[in-house]
Amino acid sequence: MWNSRQAIEVFHLLFLKQLGSRVDKNLWALKGGCNLRFFFKSIRYSEDMDIDVQTIAKETLRRNVNTILTSQAFAVVLRAQKLAIVQTSEPKQTDTTQRWKVRLRVAEQELPTKIEFSRRGLDEGLLFEPVDGELLHGYRLSPMLASHYSKERAFLQKVNALANRGETQARDVFDLKLLMDAGATPAKVKPAQKAMFATACERALELDYDAFAAQVVAYLPQEWQDYYAKRAAWESLQEAVMETLQQLAP
């Protein structure tokens, strides 16, 4: 029914709905690529789902997530989308990070994905809103609400990721351009943030087209893959992001 990127996305959406029914909306927030995709019309699919949590005890969250993943009710919901969970594991369960790995079966293939919860608390800019109706309609899913971060907070999170990841990721540059186009750039950068912006700009310059092709283009719908297959498209995007970061933190 769905290609591999879509199948993982459907799983993420269905899991998110189950999470919302079990955990208070004020205790968690969707972030990263799924946030941009589900609420801000990003054209980039995400391999994994990242969520911030606060207050909820580690074992309580662990029990809730495992209950969702192993429940017969969730299996039935997935089956309606021609999906099935074939394997789950909990490779990291610490006081700061809880991570689940999931293998899905769709048609004759198995697809890996991860769900990761950061236990470092919630940032400002928390919203509780409907997931993009057009996206849900395309999968024939019913409307749903979820906690997530505002576009302004997502912009700062992406700048921080670009500046501080152990390995620079081209997807952060791509996502920043999306957020810039959505009007998410701050009117003023705080003095304490200027070094982060400067570092992010330097790291954006390090990235080349090959990294962009592997980390971003492969996760776009076909029509957008054709557009971004041109090196000039990446260079224009990269230049626009760097220019904005430089202007924000001169």
C-alpha atoms as a PDB file:
ATOM      1  CA  MET A   1       0.000   0.000   0.000  1.00  0.00           C
ATOM      2  CA  TRP A   2       2.763   2.447   0.923  1.00  0.00           C
ATOM      3  CA  ASN A   3       6.400   2.832  -0.041  1.00  0.00           C
ATOM      4  CA  SER A   4       8.995   2.351   2.706  1.00  0.00           C
ATOM      5  CA  ARG A   5       9.168   6.041   3.733  1.00  0.00           C
ATOM      6  CA  GLN A   6       5.398   6.301   3.908  1.00  0.00           C
ATOM      7  CA  ALA A   7       5.032   3.045   5.854  1.00  0.00           C
ATOM      8  CA  ILE A   8       7.382   4.293   8.582  1.00  0.00           C
ATOM      9  CA  GLU A   9       5.543   7.606   8.676  1.00  0.00           C
ATOM     10  CA  VAL A  10       2.172   5.896   9.085  1.00  0.00           C
ATOM     11  CA  PHE A  11       3.620   3.906  11.988  1.00  0.00           C
ATOM     12  CA  HIS A  12       4.916   7.093  13.619  1.00  0.00           C
ATOM     13  CA  LEU A  13       1.534   8.782  13.288  1.00  0.00           C
ATOM     14  CA  LEU A  14      -0.346   5.815  14.712  1.00  0.00           C
ATOM     15  CA  PHE A  15       2.107   5.467  17.595  1.00  0.00           C
ATOM     16  CA  LEU A  16       1.830   9.174  18.361  1.00  0.00           C
ATOM     17  CA  LYS A  17      -1.946   8.895  18.605  1.00  0.00           C
ATOM     18  CA  GLN A  18      -1.627   5.982  21.020  1.00  0.00           C
ATOM     19  CA  LEU A  19       0.925   7.889  23.104  1.00  0.00           C
ATOM     20  CA  GLY A  20      -1.434  10.840  23.352  1.00  0.00           C
ATOM     21  CA  SER A  21      -4.147   8.608  24.770  1.00  0.00           C
ATOM     22  CA  ARG A  22      -1.847   7.229  27.498  1.00  0.00           C
ATOM     23  CA  VAL A  23       0.443  10.111  28.542  1.00  0.00           C
ATOM     24  CA  ASP A  24      -0.682  13.596  29.584  1.00  0.00           C
ATOM     25  CA  LYS A  25      -0.129  16.076  26.760  1.00  0.00           C
ATOM     26  CA  ASN A  26       1.671  18.463  29.109  1.00  0.00           C
ATOM     27  CA  LEU A  27       4.439  15.937  29.791  1.00  0.00           C
ATOM     28  CA  TRP A  28       5.827  15.454  26.273  1.00  0.00           C
ATOM     29  CA  ALA A  29       6.484  17.194  22.957  1.00  0.00           C
ATOM     30  CA  LEU A  30       7.268  15.912  19.479  1.00  0.00           C
ATOM     31  CA  LYS A  31      10.418  17.439  18.022  1.00  0.00           C
ATOM     32  CA  GLY A  32      12.818  17.076  15.094  1.00  0.00           C
ATOM     33  CA  GLY A  33      11.914  16.006  11.589  1.00  0.00           C
ATOM     34  CA  CYS A  34       8.561  14.466  12.532  1.00  0.00           C
ATOM     35  CA  ASN A  35       7.493  17.753  14.111  1.00  0.00           C
ATOM     36  CA  LEU A  36       8.343  19.602  10.912  1.00  0.00           C
ATOM     37  CA  ARG A  37       6.656  16.989   8.750  1.00  0.00           C
ATOM     38  CA  PHE A  38       3.454  16.590  10.796  1.00  0.00           C
ATOM     39  CA  PHE A  39       2.843  20.274  11.575  1.00  0.00           C
ATOM     40  CA  PHE A  40       4.838  22.466   9.169  1.00  0.00           C
ATOM     41  CA  LYS A  41       4.492  20.650   5.835  1.00  0.00           C
ATOM     42  CA  SER A  42       8.115  19.562   5.469  1.00  0.00           C
ATOM     43  CA  ILE A  43       8.672  17.457   2.349  1.00  0.00           C
ATOM     44  CA  ARG A  44      11.388  15.412   4.091  1.00  0.00           C
ATOM     45  CA  TYR A  45      10.424  12.028   5.533  1.00  0.00           C
ATOM     46  CA  SER A  46      11.992  11.009   8.863  1.00  0.00           C
ATOM     47  CA  GLU A  47      13.536   7.634   9.614  1.00  0.00           C
ATOM     48  CA  ASP A  48      12.993   7.972  13.361  1.00  0.00           C
ATOM     49  CA  MET A  49      10.832   9.849  15.845  1.00  0.00           C
ATOM     50  CA  ASP A  50      12.168  12.048  18.666  1.00  0.00           C
ATOM     51  CA  ILE A  51      10.167  13.198  21.676  1.00  0.00           C
ATOM     52  CA  ASP A  52      11.005  15.274  24.757  1.00  0.00           C
ATOM     53  CA  VAL A  53       9.449  14.250  28.090  1.00  0.00           C
ATOM     54  CA  GLN A  54       9.400  15.631  31.606  1.00  0.00           C
ATOM     55  CA  THR A  55       8.250  14.515  35.065  1.00  0.00           C
ATOM     56  CA  ILE A  56       7.057  11.047  34.046  1.00  0.00           C
ATOM     57  CA  ALA A  57       9.092   8.306  35.746  1.00  0.00           C
ATOM     58  CA  LYS A  58      11.384   6.210  33.590  1.00  0.00           C
ATOM     59  CA  GLU A  59       9.645   2.931  34.400  1.00  0.00           C
ATOM     60  CA  THR A  60       6.215   4.469  33.866  1.00  0.00           C
ATOM     61  CA  LEU A  61       7.167   5.653  30.388  1.00  0.00           C
ATOM     62  CA  ARG A  62       8.777   2.310  29.654  1.00  0.00           C
ATOM     63  CA  ARG A  63       5.626   0.474  30.656  1.00  0.00           C
ATOM     64  CA  ASN A  64       3.398   2.774  28.598  1.00  0.00           C
ATOM     65  CA  VAL A  65       5.501   2.468  25.442  1.00  0.00           C
ATOM     66  CA  ASN A  66       5.808  -1.306  25.747  1.00  0.00           C
ATOM     67  CA  THR A  67       2.075  -1.593  26.298  1.00  0.00           C
ATOM     68  CA  ILE A  68       1.431   0.315  23.084  1.00  0.00           C
ATOM     69  CA  LEU A  69       3.920  -1.672  21.025  1.00  0.00           C
ATOM     70  CA  THR A  70       2.719  -5.072  22.231  1.00  0.00           C
ATOM     71  CA  SER A  71      -1.024  -4.475  22.489  1.00  0.00           C
ATOM     72  CA  GLN A  72      -3.432  -6.401  20.313  1.00  0.00           C
ATOM     73  CA  ALA A  73      -5.421  -3.214  19.730  1.00  0.00           C
ATOM     74  CA  PHE A  74      -2.386  -1.473  18.207  1.00  0.00           C
ATOM     75  CA  ALA A  75      -1.644  -4.551  16.087  1.00  0.00           C
ATOM     76  CA  VAL A  76      -5.160  -4.338  14.663  1.00  0.00           C
ATOM     77  CA  VAL A  77      -4.733  -0.626  13.889  1.00  0.00           C
ATOM     78  CA  LEU A  78      -1.452  -1.360  12.106  1.00  0.00           C
ATOM     79  CA  ARG A  79      -2.948  -4.291  10.231  1.00  0.00           C
ATOM     80  CA  ALA A  80      -5.562  -1.982   8.750  1.00  0.00           C
ATOM     81  CA  GLN A  81      -2.652  -0.137   7.127  1.00  0.00           C
ATOM     82  CA  LYS A  82      -1.015  -3.401   5.991  1.00  0.00           C
ATOM     83  CA  LEU A  83       1.715  -2.981   8.633  1.00  0.00           C
ATOM     84  CA  ALA A  84       2.947  -5.274  11.381  1.00  0.00           C
ATOM     85  CA  ILE A  85       5.576  -5.061  14.113  1.00  0.00           C
ATOM     86  CA  VAL A  86       7.917  -8.034  13.797  1.00  0.00           C
ATOM     87  CA  GLN A  87      10.497  -7.083  16.440  1.00  0.00           C
ATOM     88  CA  THR A  88      11.086  -4.527  19.190  1.00  0.00           C
ATOM     89  CA  SER A  89      14.014  -3.875  21.508  1.00  0.00           C
ATOM     90  CA  GLU A  90      14.979  -1.376  24.210  1.00  0.00           C
ATOM     91  CA  PRO A  91      18.689  -0.726  23.591  1.00  0.00           C
ATOM     92  CA  LYS A  92      18.881   2.353  25.803  1.00  0.00           C
ATOM     93  CA  GLN A  93      16.958   2.993  29.007  1.00  0.00           C
ATOM     94  CA  THR A  94      18.789   5.607  31.071  1.00  0.00           C
ATOM     95  CA  ASP A  95      17.833   8.596  33.189  1.00  0.00           C
ATOM     96  CA  THR A  96      18.400  10.901  30.196  1.00  0.00           C
ATOM     97  CA  THR A  97      17.406   8.803  27.165  1.00  0.00           C
ATOM     98  CA  GLN A  98      14.939   6.003  26.460  1.00  0.00           C
ATOM     99  CA  ARG A  99      15.136   4.418  23.035  1.00  0.00           C
ATOM    100  CA  TRP A 100      13.139   1.713  21.303  1.00  0.00           C
ATOM    101  CA  LYS A 101      14.053   0.024  18.033  1.00  0.00           C
ATOM    102  CA  VAL A 102      11.213  -1.361  15.960  1.00  0.00           C
ATOM    103  CA  ARG A 103      11.175  -3.518  12.849  1.00  0.00           C
ATOM    104  CA  LEU A 104       8.068  -3.228  10.721  1.00  0.00           C
ATOM    105  CA  ARG A 105       6.847  -5.533   8.002  1.00  0.00           C
ATOM    106  CA  VAL A 106       5.097  -4.086   4.986  1.00  0.00           C
ATOM    107  CA  ALA A 107       4.406  -6.323   1.996  1.00  0.00           C
ATOM    108  CA  GLU A 108       7.539  -8.483   1.625  1.00  0.00           C
ATOM    109  CA  GLN A 109      10.057  -6.154   3.270  1.00  0.00           C
ATOM    110  CA  GLU A 110      11.129  -5.277   6.798  1.00  0.00           C
ATOM    111  CA  LEU A 111      11.848  -1.678   7.765  1.00  0.00           C
ATOM    112  CA  PRO A 112      13.767  -0.370  10.805  1.00  0.00           C
ATOM    113  CA  THR A 113      12.833   2.714  12.791  1.00  0.00           C
ATOM    114  CA  LYS A 114      13.510   4.154  16.249  1.00  0.00           C
ATOM    115  CA  ILE A 115      11.476   6.016  18.840  1.00  0.00           C
ATOM    116  CA  GLU A 116      13.622   8.051  21.207  1.00  0.00           C
ATOM    117  CA  PHE A 117      12.584   9.992  24.294  1.00  0.00           C
ATOM    118  CA  SER A 118      14.895  12.627  25.745  1.00  0.00           C
ATOM    119  CA  ARG A 119      14.373  13.017  29.493  1.00  0.00           C
ATOM    120  CA  ARG A 120      16.094  16.406  29.793  1.00  0.00           C
ATOM    121  CA  GLY A 121      12.813  18.296  30.146  1.00  0.00           C
ATOM    122  CA  LEU A 122      10.736  20.445  27.818  1.00  0.00           C
ATOM    123  CA  ASP A 123      11.780  23.625  26.051  1.00  0.00           C
ATOM    124  CA  GLU A 124       9.582  26.701  25.777  1.00  0.00           C
ATOM    125  CA  GLY A 125       7.196  26.914  22.840  1.00  0.00           C
ATOM    126  CA  LEU A 126       5.035  23.881  23.580  1.00  0.00           C
ATOM    127  CA  LEU A 127       1.832  23.632  21.524  1.00  0.00           C
ATOM    128  CA  PHE A 128      -1.091  21.204  21.412  1.00  0.00           C
ATOM    129  CA  GLU A 129      -2.547  21.253  17.910  1.00  0.00           C
ATOM    130  CA  PRO A 130      -4.061  19.125  15.130  1.00  0.00           C
ATOM    131  CA  VAL A 131      -1.650  17.201  12.930  1.00  0.00           C
ATOM    132  CA  ASP A 132      -1.696  18.442   9.328  1.00  0.00           C
ATOM    133  CA  GLY A 133      -5.066  17.352   7.935  1.00  0.00           C
ATOM    134  CA  GLU A 134      -3.817  17.012   4.373  1.00  0.00           C
ATOM    135  CA  LEU A 135      -1.109  14.593   5.494  1.00  0.00           C
ATOM    136  CA  LEU A 136      -3.582  12.479   7.477  1.00  0.00           C
ATOM    137  CA  HIS A 137      -6.086  12.476   4.618  1.00  0.00           C
ATOM    138  CA  GLY A 138      -3.456  11.090   2.281  1.00  0.00           C
ATOM    139  CA  TYR A 139      -3.116   8.063   4.555  1.00  0.00           C
ATOM    140  CA  ARG A 140      -6.866   7.852   5.225  1.00  0.00           C
ATOM    141  CA  LEU A 141      -6.252   8.455   8.938  1.00  0.00           C
ATOM    142  CA  SER A 142      -8.675  10.230  11.259  1.00  0.00           C
ATOM    143  CA  PRO A 143      -7.873  13.683  12.719  1.00  0.00           C
ATOM    144  CA  MET A 144      -5.576  13.753  15.723  1.00  0.00           C
ATOM    145  CA  LEU A 145      -4.037  16.224  18.163  1.00  0.00           C
ATOM    146  CA  ALA A 146      -0.504  16.084  19.528  1.00  0.00           C
ATOM    147  CA  SER A 147       1.927  18.073  21.644  1.00  0.00           C
ATOM    148  CA  HIS A 148       4.822  19.568  19.715  1.00  0.00           C
ATOM    149  CA  TYR A 149       7.154  22.557  19.509  1.00  0.00           C
ATOM    150  CA  SER A 150       6.412  25.828  17.748  1.00  0.00           C
ATOM    151  CA  LYS A 151       8.261  26.692  14.559  1.00  0.00           C
ATOM    152  CA  GLU A 152      10.256  29.349  16.417  1.00  0.00           C
ATOM    153  CA  ARG A 153      11.437  26.849  19.020  1.00  0.00           C
ATOM    154  CA  ALA A 154      12.108  24.272  16.303  1.00  0.00           C
ATOM    155  CA  PHE A 155      14.348  26.810  14.547  1.00  0.00           C
ATOM    156  CA  LEU A 156      16.487  27.290  17.664  1.00  0.00           C
ATOM    157  CA  GLN A 157      16.619  23.526  18.223  1.00  0.00           C
ATOM    158  CA  LYS A 158      17.856  23.026  14.666  1.00  0.00           C
ATOM    159  CA  VAL A 159      20.526  25.718  15.020  1.00  0.00           C
ATOM    160  CA  ASN A 160      21.674  24.022  18.214  1.00  0.00           C
ATOM    161  CA  ALA A 161      21.731  20.622  16.484  1.00  0.00           C
ATOM    162  CA  LEU A 162      23.752  21.965  13.564  1.00  0.00           C
ATOM    163  CA  ALA A 163      26.232  23.604  15.939  1.00  0.00           C
ATOM    164  CA  ASN A 164      26.616  20.757  18.419  1.00  0.00           C
ATOM    165  CA  ARG A 165      26.030  17.369  16.802  1.00  0.00           C
ATOM    166  CA  GLY A 166      28.980  15.005  16.908  1.00  0.00           C
ATOM    167  CA  GLU A 167      28.614  14.619  13.145  1.00  0.00           C
ATOM    168  CA  THR A 168      27.281  17.514  11.063  1.00  0.00           C
ATOM    169  CA  GLN A 169      24.025  16.655   9.287  1.00  0.00           C
ATOM    170  CA  ALA A 170      22.830  18.202   6.021  1.00  0.00           C
ATOM    171  CA  ARG A 171      19.235  17.619   7.075  1.00  0.00           C
ATOM    172  CA  ASP A 172      19.628  20.354   9.692  1.00  0.00           C
ATOM    173  CA  VAL A 173      20.456  22.874   6.959  1.00  0.00           C
ATOM    174  CA  PHE A 174      17.508  21.690   4.870  1.00  0.00           C
ATOM    175  CA  ASP A 175      15.156  21.943   7.852  1.00  0.00           C
ATOM    176  CA  LEU A 176      16.393  25.417   8.728  1.00  0.00           C
ATOM    177  CA  LYS A 177      15.531  26.614   5.223  1.00  0.00           C
ATOM    178  CA  LEU A 178      12.005  25.228   5.622  1.00  0.00           C
ATOM    179  CA  LEU A 179      11.626  27.058   8.920  1.00  0.00           C
ATOM    180  CA  MET A 180      13.064  30.260   7.488  1.00  0.00           C
ATOM    181  CA  ASP A 181      10.495  30.144   4.699  1.00  0.00           C
ATOM    182  CA  ALA A 182       7.792  29.631   7.348  1.00  0.00           C
ATOM    183  CA  GLY A 183       8.868  32.819   9.137  1.00  0.00           C
ATOM    184  CA  ALA A 184      10.402  31.100  12.155  1.00  0.00           C
ATOM    185  CA  THR A 185      13.583  33.162  12.454  1.00  0.00           C
ATOM    186  CA  PRO A 186      13.842  35.176  15.692  1.00  0.00           C
ATOM    187  CA  ALA A 187      13.716  38.961  15.532  1.00  0.00           C
ATOM    188  CA  LYS A 188      16.755  39.091  17.792  1.00  0.00           C
ATOM    189  CA  VAL A 189      19.318  36.571  18.962  1.00  0.00           C
ATOM    190  CA  LYS A 190      20.238  36.621  22.641  1.00  0.00           C
ATOM    191  CA  PRO A 191      23.909  37.404  23.367  1.00  0.00           C
ATOM    192  CA  ALA A 192      24.360  33.928  24.888  1.00  0.00           C
ATOM    193  CA  GLN A 193      23.164  32.351  21.633  1.00  0.00           C
ATOM    194  CA  LYS A 194      25.475  34.206  19.238  1.00  0.00           C
ATOM    195  CA  ALA A 195      28.340  31.728  19.555  1.00  0.00           C
ATOM    196  CA  MET A 196      25.932  28.878  18.753  1.00  0.00           C
ATOM    197  CA  PHE A 197      24.739  30.668  15.614  1.00  0.00           C
ATOM    198  CA  ALA A 198      28.304  31.378  14.505  1.00  0.00           C
ATOM    199  CA  THR A 199      29.319  27.741  14.996  1.00  0.00           C
ATOM    200  CA  ALA A 200      26.222  26.554  13.119  1.00  0.00           C
ATOM    201  CA  CYS A 201      27.155  28.773  10.188  1.00  0.00           C
ATOM    202  CA  GLU A 202      30.694  27.380  10.102  1.00  0.00           C
ATOM    203  CA  ARG A 203      29.432  23.799  10.202  1.00  0.00           C
ATOM    204  CA  ALA A 204      26.894  24.438   7.452  1.00  0.00           C
ATOM    205  CA  LEU A 205      29.815  25.503   5.259  1.00  0.00           C
ATOM    206  CA  GLU A 206      31.550  22.155   5.855  1.00  0.00           C
ATOM    207  CA  LEU A 207      28.777  20.159   4.184  1.00  0.00           C
ATOM    208  CA  ASP A 208      28.983  19.152   0.543  1.00  0.00           C
ATOM    209  CA  TYR A 209      26.411  18.008  -1.981  1.00  0.00           C
ATOM    210  CA  ASP A 210      27.195  14.307  -1.492  1.00  0.00           C
ATOM    211  CA  ALA A 211      26.203  14.554   2.172  1.00  0.00           C
ATOM    212  CA  PHE A 212      23.021  16.362   1.205  1.00  0.00           C
ATOM    213  CA  ALA A 213      22.146  13.739  -1.411  1.00  0.00           C
ATOM    214  CA  ALA A 214      22.581  10.874   1.055  1.00  0.00           C
ATOM    215  CA  GLN A 215      20.949  12.482   4.104  1.00  0.00           C
ATOM    216  CA  VAL A 216      18.150  14.485   2.499  1.00  0.00           C
ATOM    217  CA  VAL A 217      17.456  13.815  -1.172  1.00  0.00           C
ATOM    218  CA  ALA A 218      16.918  10.104  -0.549  1.00  0.00           C
ATOM    219  CA  TYR A 219      14.155  10.999   1.938  1.00  0.00           C
ATOM    220  CA  LEU A 220      12.131  13.253  -0.369  1.00  0.00           C
ATOM    221  CA  PRO A 221       9.186  12.415  -2.645  1.00  0.00           C
ATOM    222  CA  GLN A 222      10.321  11.552  -6.165  1.00  0.00           C
ATOM    223  CA  GLU A 223       9.373  14.880  -7.729  1.00  0.00           C
ATOM    224  CA  TRP A 224      11.480  16.713  -5.153  1.00  0.00           C
ATOM    225  CA  GLN A 225      14.339  14.253  -5.542  1.00  0.00           C
ATOM    226  CA  ASP A 226      14.452  15.231  -9.201  1.00  0.00           C
ATOM    227  CA  TYR A 227      14.642  18.921  -8.291  1.00  0.00           C
ATOM    228  CA  TYR A 228      17.276  18.568  -5.576  1.00  0.00           C
ATOM    229  CA  ALA A 229      19.352  16.184  -7.656  1.00  0.00           C
ATOM    230  CA  LYS A 230      20.875  19.359  -9.069  1.00  0.00           C
ATOM    231  CA  ARG A 231      23.955  20.514  -7.174  1.00  0.00           C
ATOM    232  CA  ALA A 232      22.955  24.139  -7.746  1.00  0.00           C
ATOM    233  CA  ALA A 233      19.754  23.619  -5.736  1.00  0.00           C
ATOM    234  CA  TRP A 234      21.766  22.521  -2.699  1.00  0.00           C
ATOM    235  CA  GLU A 235      24.262  25.352  -3.058  1.00  0.00           C
ATOM    236  CA  SER A 236      21.460  27.914  -3.227  1.00  0.00           C
ATOM    237  CA  LEU A 237      19.793  26.440  -0.121  1.00  0.00           C
ATOM    238  CA  GLN A 238      23.084  26.271   1.779  1.00  0.00           C
ATOM    239  CA  GLU A 239      23.951  29.860   0.909  1.00  0.00           C
ATOM    240  CA  ALA A 240      20.537  31.142   2.020  1.00  0.00           C
ATOM    241  CA  VAL A 241      20.808  29.422   5.410  1.00  0.00           C
ATOM    242  CA  MET A 242      24.357  30.609   6.011  1.00  0.00           C
ATOM    243  CA  GLU A 243      23.440  34.178   5.095  1.00  0.00           C
ATOM    244  CA  THR A 244      20.511  34.170   7.534  1.00  0.00           C
ATOM    245  CA  LEU A 245      22.605  32.724  10.362  1.00  0.00           C
ATOM    246  CA  GLN A 246      25.295  35.346   9.765  1.00  0.00           C
ATOM    247  CA  GLN A 247      22.717  38.154   9.809  1.00  0.00           C
ATOM    248  CA  LEU A 248      21.190  36.913  13.039  1.00  0.00           C
ATOM    249  CA  ALA A 249      24.519  36.681  14.863  1.00  0.00           C
ATOM    250  CA  PRO A 250      26.935  39.202  13.290  1.00  0.00           C
END
